[in-house]
């Protein structure tokens, strides 16, 4: 890439020839400077760092180039002492966008919980929402179209009684992958997993209606 950090990454040729794109346009116009003008690489389902902006060179090699962004960065130490490298695919994830951090519920009553879910492995087939910190779950409605490796909007009605609550969402994709709780991801990947973090996000609703982020 031609950005200040000279983004340099390696991609398997099999993936490049499968579904990667060189993007010049978005929504009928040239892509904007902040999105990588004049051309950026799109790598569907794989993490954002691999979607190089301001692309200036593609080079074919017979091995990974071991660039800074795949050695010193984006390589993570696991609990067993081994290092995991080349973590490409976006894990299944969801996030409640309303209500969310910084927003306010004015009064007790009926609210619509909405959010986004996605997975680099395929389609989202289910999103479950909890209003009691994960003690119980209810199926949310998925908004069509539901496409592979794309954002999927979900929604569910919720009757807030004016008391403290903890909202969570968890997504499941068509490969059977389920979004993990934070403690589950830490057990599997260790404390250094922030580059590839896709655990459940929790929003705490206070009795005054304010919304904050919590680990719950």
C-alpha atoms as a PDB file:
ATOM      1  CA  UNK A   1       0.000   0.000   0.000  1.00  0.00           C
ATOM      2  CA  UNK A   2       0.962   3.648  -0.420  1.00  0.00           C
ATOM      3  CA  UNK A   3      -0.129   4.687   3.073  1.00  0.00           C
ATOM      4  CA  UNK A   4       2.255   6.119   5.667  1.00  0.00           C
ATOM      5  CA  UNK A   5       2.836   2.688   7.235  1.00  0.00           C
ATOM      6  CA  UNK A   6       3.516   1.099   3.815  1.00  0.00           C
ATOM      7  CA  UNK A   7       1.070  -1.727   4.521  1.00  0.00           C
ATOM      8  CA  UNK A   8       2.579  -4.949   3.226  1.00  0.00           C
ATOM      9  CA  UNK A   9       0.842  -8.318   3.673  1.00  0.00           C
ATOM     10  CA  UNK A  10       0.926 -11.827   2.229  1.00  0.00           C
ATOM     11  CA  UNK A  11      -2.109 -13.615   0.824  1.00  0.00           C
ATOM     12  CA  UNK A  12      -2.351 -17.247  -0.315  1.00  0.00           C
ATOM     13  CA  UNK A  13      -2.700 -17.433  -4.088  1.00  0.00           C
ATOM     14  CA  UNK A  14      -5.707 -19.754  -3.707  1.00  0.00           C
ATOM     15  CA  UNK A  15      -7.645 -16.983  -1.946  1.00  0.00           C
ATOM     16  CA  UNK A  16      -6.529 -14.305  -4.402  1.00  0.00           C
ATOM     17  CA  UNK A  17      -7.821 -16.328  -7.356  1.00  0.00           C
ATOM     18  CA  UNK A  18     -11.051 -17.255  -5.560  1.00  0.00           C
ATOM     19  CA  UNK A  19     -12.877 -14.032  -4.663  1.00  0.00           C
ATOM     20  CA  UNK A  20     -10.476 -11.114  -4.142  1.00  0.00           C
ATOM     21  CA  UNK A  21     -11.254  -7.867  -5.973  1.00  0.00           C
ATOM     22  CA  UNK A  22      -9.436  -4.736  -7.057  1.00  0.00           C
ATOM     23  CA  UNK A  23     -11.925  -1.994  -6.244  1.00  0.00           C
ATOM     24  CA  UNK A  24     -12.010   1.260  -8.200  1.00  0.00           C
ATOM     25  CA  UNK A  25     -15.665   2.192  -7.584  1.00  0.00           C
ATOM     26  CA  UNK A  26     -18.155   2.089  -4.727  1.00  0.00           C
ATOM     27  CA  UNK A  27     -21.865   2.847  -5.072  1.00  0.00           C
ATOM     28  CA  UNK A  28     -21.447   4.171  -8.602  1.00  0.00           C
ATOM     29  CA  UNK A  29     -18.582   6.563  -7.943  1.00  0.00           C
ATOM     30  CA  UNK A  30     -14.818   6.346  -7.637  1.00  0.00           C
ATOM     31  CA  UNK A  31     -13.835   5.143  -4.194  1.00  0.00           C
ATOM     32  CA  UNK A  32     -13.040   8.012  -1.868  1.00  0.00           C
ATOM     33  CA  UNK A  33      -9.559   8.892  -0.605  1.00  0.00           C
ATOM     34  CA  UNK A  34     -10.353   7.710   2.913  1.00  0.00           C
ATOM     35  CA  UNK A  35     -11.436   4.355   1.457  1.00  0.00           C
ATOM     36  CA  UNK A  36      -8.262   3.846  -0.567  1.00  0.00           C
ATOM     37  CA  UNK A  37      -8.499   5.932  -3.767  1.00  0.00           C
ATOM     38  CA  UNK A  38      -7.567   5.230  -6.511  1.00  0.00           C
ATOM     39  CA  UNK A  39      -7.653   1.458  -5.914  1.00  0.00           C
ATOM     40  CA  UNK A  40      -7.839  -0.883  -2.948  1.00  0.00           C
ATOM     41  CA  UNK A  41      -7.756  -4.595  -2.448  1.00  0.00           C
ATOM     42  CA  UNK A  42     -10.924  -6.308  -1.210  1.00  0.00           C
ATOM     43  CA  UNK A  43     -10.516  -9.696   0.478  1.00  0.00           C
ATOM     44  CA  UNK A  44     -14.039 -10.944   1.311  1.00  0.00           C
ATOM     45  CA  UNK A  45     -14.445 -12.526   4.738  1.00  0.00           C
ATOM     46  CA  UNK A  46     -10.882 -11.849   5.807  1.00  0.00           C
ATOM     47  CA  UNK A  47      -9.727  -9.280   8.343  1.00  0.00           C
ATOM     48  CA  UNK A  48      -9.570  -5.604   7.451  1.00  0.00           C
ATOM     49  CA  UNK A  49      -5.778  -5.294   7.635  1.00  0.00           C
ATOM     50  CA  UNK A  50      -5.581  -7.527   4.558  1.00  0.00           C
ATOM     51  CA  UNK A  51      -7.818  -5.187   2.513  1.00  0.00           C
ATOM     52  CA  UNK A  52      -4.928  -2.908   1.578  1.00  0.00           C
ATOM     53  CA  UNK A  53      -5.846   0.693   0.764  1.00  0.00           C
ATOM     54  CA  UNK A  54      -4.078   2.944  -1.759  1.00  0.00           C
ATOM     55  CA  UNK A  55      -2.775  -0.191  -3.441  1.00  0.00           C
ATOM     56  CA  UNK A  56       0.324   0.385  -5.526  1.00  0.00           C
ATOM     57  CA  UNK A  57       1.906  -3.020  -6.070  1.00  0.00           C
ATOM     58  CA  UNK A  58       1.021  -6.722  -6.258  1.00  0.00           C
ATOM     59  CA  UNK A  59       3.960  -9.088  -6.220  1.00  0.00           C
ATOM     60  CA  UNK A  60       3.892 -12.854  -6.762  1.00  0.00           C
ATOM     61  CA  UNK A  61       6.212 -14.800  -4.480  1.00  0.00           C
ATOM     62  CA  UNK A  62       6.684 -18.470  -3.601  1.00  0.00           C
ATOM     63  CA  UNK A  63       6.444 -17.882   0.163  1.00  0.00           C
ATOM     64  CA  UNK A  64       5.088 -15.325   2.672  1.00  0.00           C
ATOM     65  CA  UNK A  65       7.139 -12.134   2.677  1.00  0.00           C
ATOM     66  CA  UNK A  66       7.177 -12.015   6.520  1.00  0.00           C
ATOM     67  CA  UNK A  67       6.397  -8.293   6.543  1.00  0.00           C
ATOM     68  CA  UNK A  68       6.069  -6.257   9.743  1.00  0.00           C
ATOM     69  CA  UNK A  69       2.280  -6.574   9.721  1.00  0.00           C
ATOM     70  CA  UNK A  70       2.454 -10.372   9.825  1.00  0.00           C
ATOM     71  CA  UNK A  71       5.388 -10.810  12.209  1.00  0.00           C
ATOM     72  CA  UNK A  72       5.711  -8.047  14.820  1.00  0.00           C
ATOM     73  CA  UNK A  73       2.008  -7.237  14.392  1.00  0.00           C
ATOM     74  CA  UNK A  74      -1.055  -9.495  14.078  1.00  0.00           C
ATOM     75  CA  UNK A  75       0.912 -12.469  15.448  1.00  0.00           C
ATOM     76  CA  UNK A  76      -0.302 -13.439  18.902  1.00  0.00           C
ATOM     77  CA  UNK A  77       1.125 -15.413  21.793  1.00  0.00           C
ATOM     78  CA  UNK A  78      -1.189 -18.241  22.861  1.00  0.00           C
ATOM     79  CA  UNK A  79      -1.643 -19.532  26.433  1.00  0.00           C
ATOM     80  CA  UNK A  80       0.498 -22.599  25.610  1.00  0.00           C
ATOM     81  CA  UNK A  81       3.464 -20.398  24.689  1.00  0.00           C
ATOM     82  CA  UNK A  82       3.129 -20.960  20.941  1.00  0.00           C
ATOM     83  CA  UNK A  83       2.633 -18.031  18.561  1.00  0.00           C
ATOM     84  CA  UNK A  84      -0.254 -17.988  16.093  1.00  0.00           C
ATOM     85  CA  UNK A  85       0.525 -16.387  12.763  1.00  0.00           C
ATOM     86  CA  UNK A  86      -1.556 -15.693   9.640  1.00  0.00           C
ATOM     87  CA  UNK A  87      -4.974 -15.447  11.285  1.00  0.00           C
ATOM     88  CA  UNK A  88      -6.906 -14.462   8.199  1.00  0.00           C
ATOM     89  CA  UNK A  89     -10.628 -15.195   8.513  1.00  0.00           C
ATOM     90  CA  UNK A  90     -12.940 -12.903  10.490  1.00  0.00           C
ATOM     91  CA  UNK A  91     -14.504 -14.864  13.321  1.00  0.00           C
ATOM     92  CA  UNK A  92     -18.287 -14.892  13.671  1.00  0.00           C
ATOM     93  CA  UNK A  93     -19.319 -11.741  15.491  1.00  0.00           C
ATOM     94  CA  UNK A  94     -22.288  -9.546  16.362  1.00  0.00           C
ATOM     95  CA  UNK A  95     -22.746  -6.200  18.030  1.00  0.00           C
ATOM     96  CA  UNK A  96     -25.818  -4.385  19.334  1.00  0.00           C
ATOM     97  CA  UNK A  97     -25.732  -0.898  17.829  1.00  0.00           C
ATOM     98  CA  UNK A  98     -28.881   0.416  19.500  1.00  0.00           C
ATOM     99  CA  UNK A  99     -28.987   0.853  22.397  1.00  0.00           C
ATOM    100  CA  UNK A 100     -25.212   1.036  22.783  1.00  0.00           C
ATOM    101  CA  UNK A 101     -22.484   2.970  24.556  1.00  0.00           C
ATOM    102  CA  UNK A 102     -23.249   6.659  25.073  1.00  0.00           C
ATOM    103  CA  UNK A 103     -26.932   6.361  24.199  1.00  0.00           C
ATOM    104  CA  UNK A 104     -29.810   6.990  26.601  1.00  0.00           C
ATOM    105  CA  UNK A 105     -33.136   5.276  27.275  1.00  0.00           C
ATOM    106  CA  UNK A 106     -35.520   8.022  28.313  1.00  0.00           C
ATOM    107  CA  UNK A 107     -38.279   6.057  30.008  1.00  0.00           C
ATOM    108  CA  UNK A 108     -39.329   2.474  30.727  1.00  0.00           C
ATOM    109  CA  UNK A 109     -41.216   0.986  27.806  1.00  0.00           C
ATOM    110  CA  UNK A 110     -40.916  -0.915  24.543  1.00  0.00           C
ATOM    111  CA  UNK A 111     -37.656  -0.543  22.614  1.00  0.00           C
ATOM    112  CA  UNK A 112     -36.265  -2.145  19.480  1.00  0.00           C
ATOM    113  CA  UNK A 113     -32.824  -3.667  19.916  1.00  0.00           C
ATOM    114  CA  UNK A 114     -30.903  -3.580  16.632  1.00  0.00           C
ATOM    115  CA  UNK A 115     -27.408  -4.557  15.595  1.00  0.00           C
ATOM    116  CA  UNK A 116     -25.095  -6.114  13.027  1.00  0.00           C
ATOM    117  CA  UNK A 117     -23.706  -9.623  12.668  1.00  0.00           C
ATOM    118  CA  UNK A 118     -21.104 -11.008  10.283  1.00  0.00           C
ATOM    119  CA  UNK A 119     -18.799 -13.964   9.680  1.00  0.00           C
ATOM    120  CA  UNK A 120     -15.857 -14.545   7.410  1.00  0.00           C
ATOM    121  CA  UNK A 121     -16.817 -18.216   7.176  1.00  0.00           C
ATOM    122  CA  UNK A 122     -20.184 -17.710   5.455  1.00  0.00           C
ATOM    123  CA  UNK A 123     -23.765 -16.640   6.164  1.00  0.00           C
ATOM    124  CA  UNK A 124     -25.249 -15.661   9.482  1.00  0.00           C
ATOM    125  CA  UNK A 125     -28.075 -18.101  10.272  1.00  0.00           C
ATOM    126  CA  UNK A 126     -29.031 -16.992  13.781  1.00  0.00           C
ATOM    127  CA  UNK A 127     -28.533 -14.144  16.233  1.00  0.00           C
ATOM    128  CA  UNK A 128     -29.638 -14.499  19.837  1.00  0.00           C
ATOM    129  CA  UNK A 129     -30.115 -11.583  22.231  1.00  0.00           C
ATOM    130  CA  UNK A 130     -30.041 -11.584  26.026  1.00  0.00           C
ATOM    131  CA  UNK A 131     -31.260  -8.827  28.342  1.00  0.00           C
ATOM    132  CA  UNK A 132     -30.134 -10.518  31.554  1.00  0.00           C
ATOM    133  CA  UNK A 133     -26.402 -10.881  31.011  1.00  0.00           C
ATOM    134  CA  UNK A 134     -26.620 -14.237  29.240  1.00  0.00           C
ATOM    135  CA  UNK A 135     -28.905 -16.139  31.605  1.00  0.00           C
ATOM    136  CA  UNK A 136     -31.555 -16.466  28.893  1.00  0.00           C
ATOM    137  CA  UNK A 137     -31.587 -15.871  25.135  1.00  0.00           C
ATOM    138  CA  UNK A 138     -34.202 -15.085  22.478  1.00  0.00           C
ATOM    139  CA  UNK A 139     -33.937 -15.328  18.696  1.00  0.00           C
ATOM    140  CA  UNK A 140     -33.681 -12.029  16.849  1.00  0.00           C
ATOM    141  CA  UNK A 141     -35.125 -11.413  13.387  1.00  0.00           C
ATOM    142  CA  UNK A 142     -32.607 -11.249  10.548  1.00  0.00           C
ATOM    143  CA  UNK A 143     -33.169  -8.590   7.895  1.00  0.00           C
ATOM    144  CA  UNK A 144     -32.968  -9.737   4.282  1.00  0.00           C
ATOM    145  CA  UNK A 145     -30.914 -10.119   2.242  1.00  0.00           C
ATOM    146  CA  UNK A 146     -28.661 -12.411   4.275  1.00  0.00           C
ATOM    147  CA  UNK A 147     -25.487 -12.835   2.213  1.00  0.00           C
ATOM    148  CA  UNK A 148     -22.275 -14.735   2.742  1.00  0.00           C
ATOM    149  CA  UNK A 149     -19.417 -12.752   4.359  1.00  0.00           C
ATOM    150  CA  UNK A 150     -21.612  -9.631   4.613  1.00  0.00           C
ATOM    151  CA  UNK A 151     -23.148  -7.552   7.375  1.00  0.00           C
ATOM    152  CA  UNK A 152     -26.532  -8.871   8.473  1.00  0.00           C
ATOM    153  CA  UNK A 153     -28.893  -6.561  10.374  1.00  0.00           C
ATOM    154  CA  UNK A 154     -30.862  -8.053  13.250  1.00  0.00           C
ATOM    155  CA  UNK A 155     -33.635  -6.705  15.486  1.00  0.00           C
ATOM    156  CA  UNK A 156     -35.780  -7.775  18.400  1.00  0.00           C
ATOM    157  CA  UNK A 157     -38.371  -5.962  20.577  1.00  0.00           C
ATOM    158  CA  UNK A 158     -37.525  -5.482  24.267  1.00  0.00           C
ATOM    159  CA  UNK A 159     -39.690  -4.251  27.118  1.00  0.00           C
ATOM    160  CA  UNK A 160     -37.487  -2.308  29.522  1.00  0.00           C
ATOM    161  CA  UNK A 161     -38.885  -2.183  33.062  1.00  0.00           C
ATOM    162  CA  UNK A 162     -36.663   0.679  34.192  1.00  0.00           C
ATOM    163  CA  UNK A 163     -34.300  -1.584  36.148  1.00  0.00           C
ATOM    164  CA  UNK A 164     -30.640  -2.405  35.536  1.00  0.00           C
ATOM    165  CA  UNK A 165     -30.024  -4.799  32.668  1.00  0.00           C
ATOM    166  CA  UNK A 166     -27.151  -6.207  30.610  1.00  0.00           C
ATOM    167  CA  UNK A 167     -27.674  -6.614  26.860  1.00  0.00           C
ATOM    168  CA  UNK A 168     -25.732  -9.149  24.799  1.00  0.00           C
ATOM    169  CA  UNK A 169     -25.931 -10.614  21.318  1.00  0.00           C
ATOM    170  CA  UNK A 170     -24.311 -13.729  19.906  1.00  0.00           C
ATOM    171  CA  UNK A 171     -24.212 -14.854  16.294  1.00  0.00           C
ATOM    172  CA  UNK A 172     -24.060 -18.284  14.673  1.00  0.00           C
ATOM    173  CA  UNK A 173     -23.026 -18.891  11.057  1.00  0.00           C
ATOM    174  CA  UNK A 174     -23.866 -21.613   8.552  1.00  0.00           C
ATOM    175  CA  UNK A 175     -20.662 -23.503   9.387  1.00  0.00           C
ATOM    176  CA  UNK A 176     -21.782 -23.927  13.001  1.00  0.00           C
ATOM    177  CA  UNK A 177     -19.412 -21.324  14.435  1.00  0.00           C
ATOM    178  CA  UNK A 178     -20.820 -19.506  17.470  1.00  0.00           C
ATOM    179  CA  UNK A 179     -19.597 -16.193  18.813  1.00  0.00           C
ATOM    180  CA  UNK A 180     -17.740 -16.886  22.085  1.00  0.00           C
ATOM    181  CA  UNK A 181     -17.991 -15.234  25.450  1.00  0.00           C
ATOM    182  CA  UNK A 182     -14.993 -13.082  26.377  1.00  0.00           C
ATOM    183  CA  UNK A 183     -13.659 -15.602  28.900  1.00  0.00           C
ATOM    184  CA  UNK A 184     -13.893 -18.396  26.324  1.00  0.00           C
ATOM    185  CA  UNK A 185     -11.853 -16.432  23.795  1.00  0.00           C
ATOM    186  CA  UNK A 186      -9.233 -15.565  26.415  1.00  0.00           C
ATOM    187  CA  UNK A 187      -8.966 -19.229  27.438  1.00  0.00           C
ATOM    188  CA  UNK A 188      -8.383 -20.239  23.824  1.00  0.00           C
ATOM    189  CA  UNK A 189      -6.287 -17.326  22.552  1.00  0.00           C
ATOM    190  CA  UNK A 190      -4.815 -15.675  25.649  1.00  0.00           C
ATOM    191  CA  UNK A 191      -4.753 -12.059  26.783  1.00  0.00           C
ATOM    192  CA  UNK A 192      -2.985 -10.778  23.650  1.00  0.00           C
ATOM    193  CA  UNK A 193      -5.843 -11.476  21.242  1.00  0.00           C
ATOM    194  CA  UNK A 194      -7.018  -7.937  20.596  1.00  0.00           C
ATOM    195  CA  UNK A 195      -6.094  -8.035  16.906  1.00  0.00           C
ATOM    196  CA  UNK A 196      -8.593 -10.823  16.263  1.00  0.00           C
ATOM    197  CA  UNK A 197     -11.122 -10.133  19.008  1.00  0.00           C
ATOM    198  CA  UNK A 198     -14.653 -11.291  18.200  1.00  0.00           C
ATOM    199  CA  UNK A 199     -16.145 -12.130  21.579  1.00  0.00           C
ATOM    200  CA  UNK A 200     -19.591 -11.122  22.818  1.00  0.00           C
ATOM    201  CA  UNK A 201     -19.951  -7.424  23.676  1.00  0.00           C
ATOM    202  CA  UNK A 202     -22.011  -6.448  26.733  1.00  0.00           C
ATOM    203  CA  UNK A 203     -23.897  -3.184  27.293  1.00  0.00           C
ATOM    204  CA  UNK A 204     -25.061  -2.296  30.803  1.00  0.00           C
ATOM    205  CA  UNK A 205     -28.315  -0.362  31.119  1.00  0.00           C
ATOM    206  CA  UNK A 206     -28.396   1.657  34.345  1.00  0.00           C
ATOM    207  CA  UNK A 207     -31.645   2.460  36.131  1.00  0.00           C
ATOM    208  CA  UNK A 208     -31.393   6.026  34.793  1.00  0.00           C
ATOM    209  CA  UNK A 209     -31.325   4.664  31.226  1.00  0.00           C
ATOM    210  CA  UNK A 210     -27.656   5.373  30.494  1.00  0.00           C
ATOM    211  CA  UNK A 211     -25.707   2.785  28.508  1.00  0.00           C
ATOM    212  CA  UNK A 212     -22.114   1.754  29.210  1.00  0.00           C
ATOM    213  CA  UNK A 213     -19.711  -1.015  28.221  1.00  0.00           C
ATOM    214  CA  UNK A 214     -19.054  -3.789  30.746  1.00  0.00           C
ATOM    215  CA  UNK A 215     -17.386  -7.186  30.863  1.00  0.00           C
ATOM    216  CA  UNK A 216     -20.181  -9.497  31.894  1.00  0.00           C
END
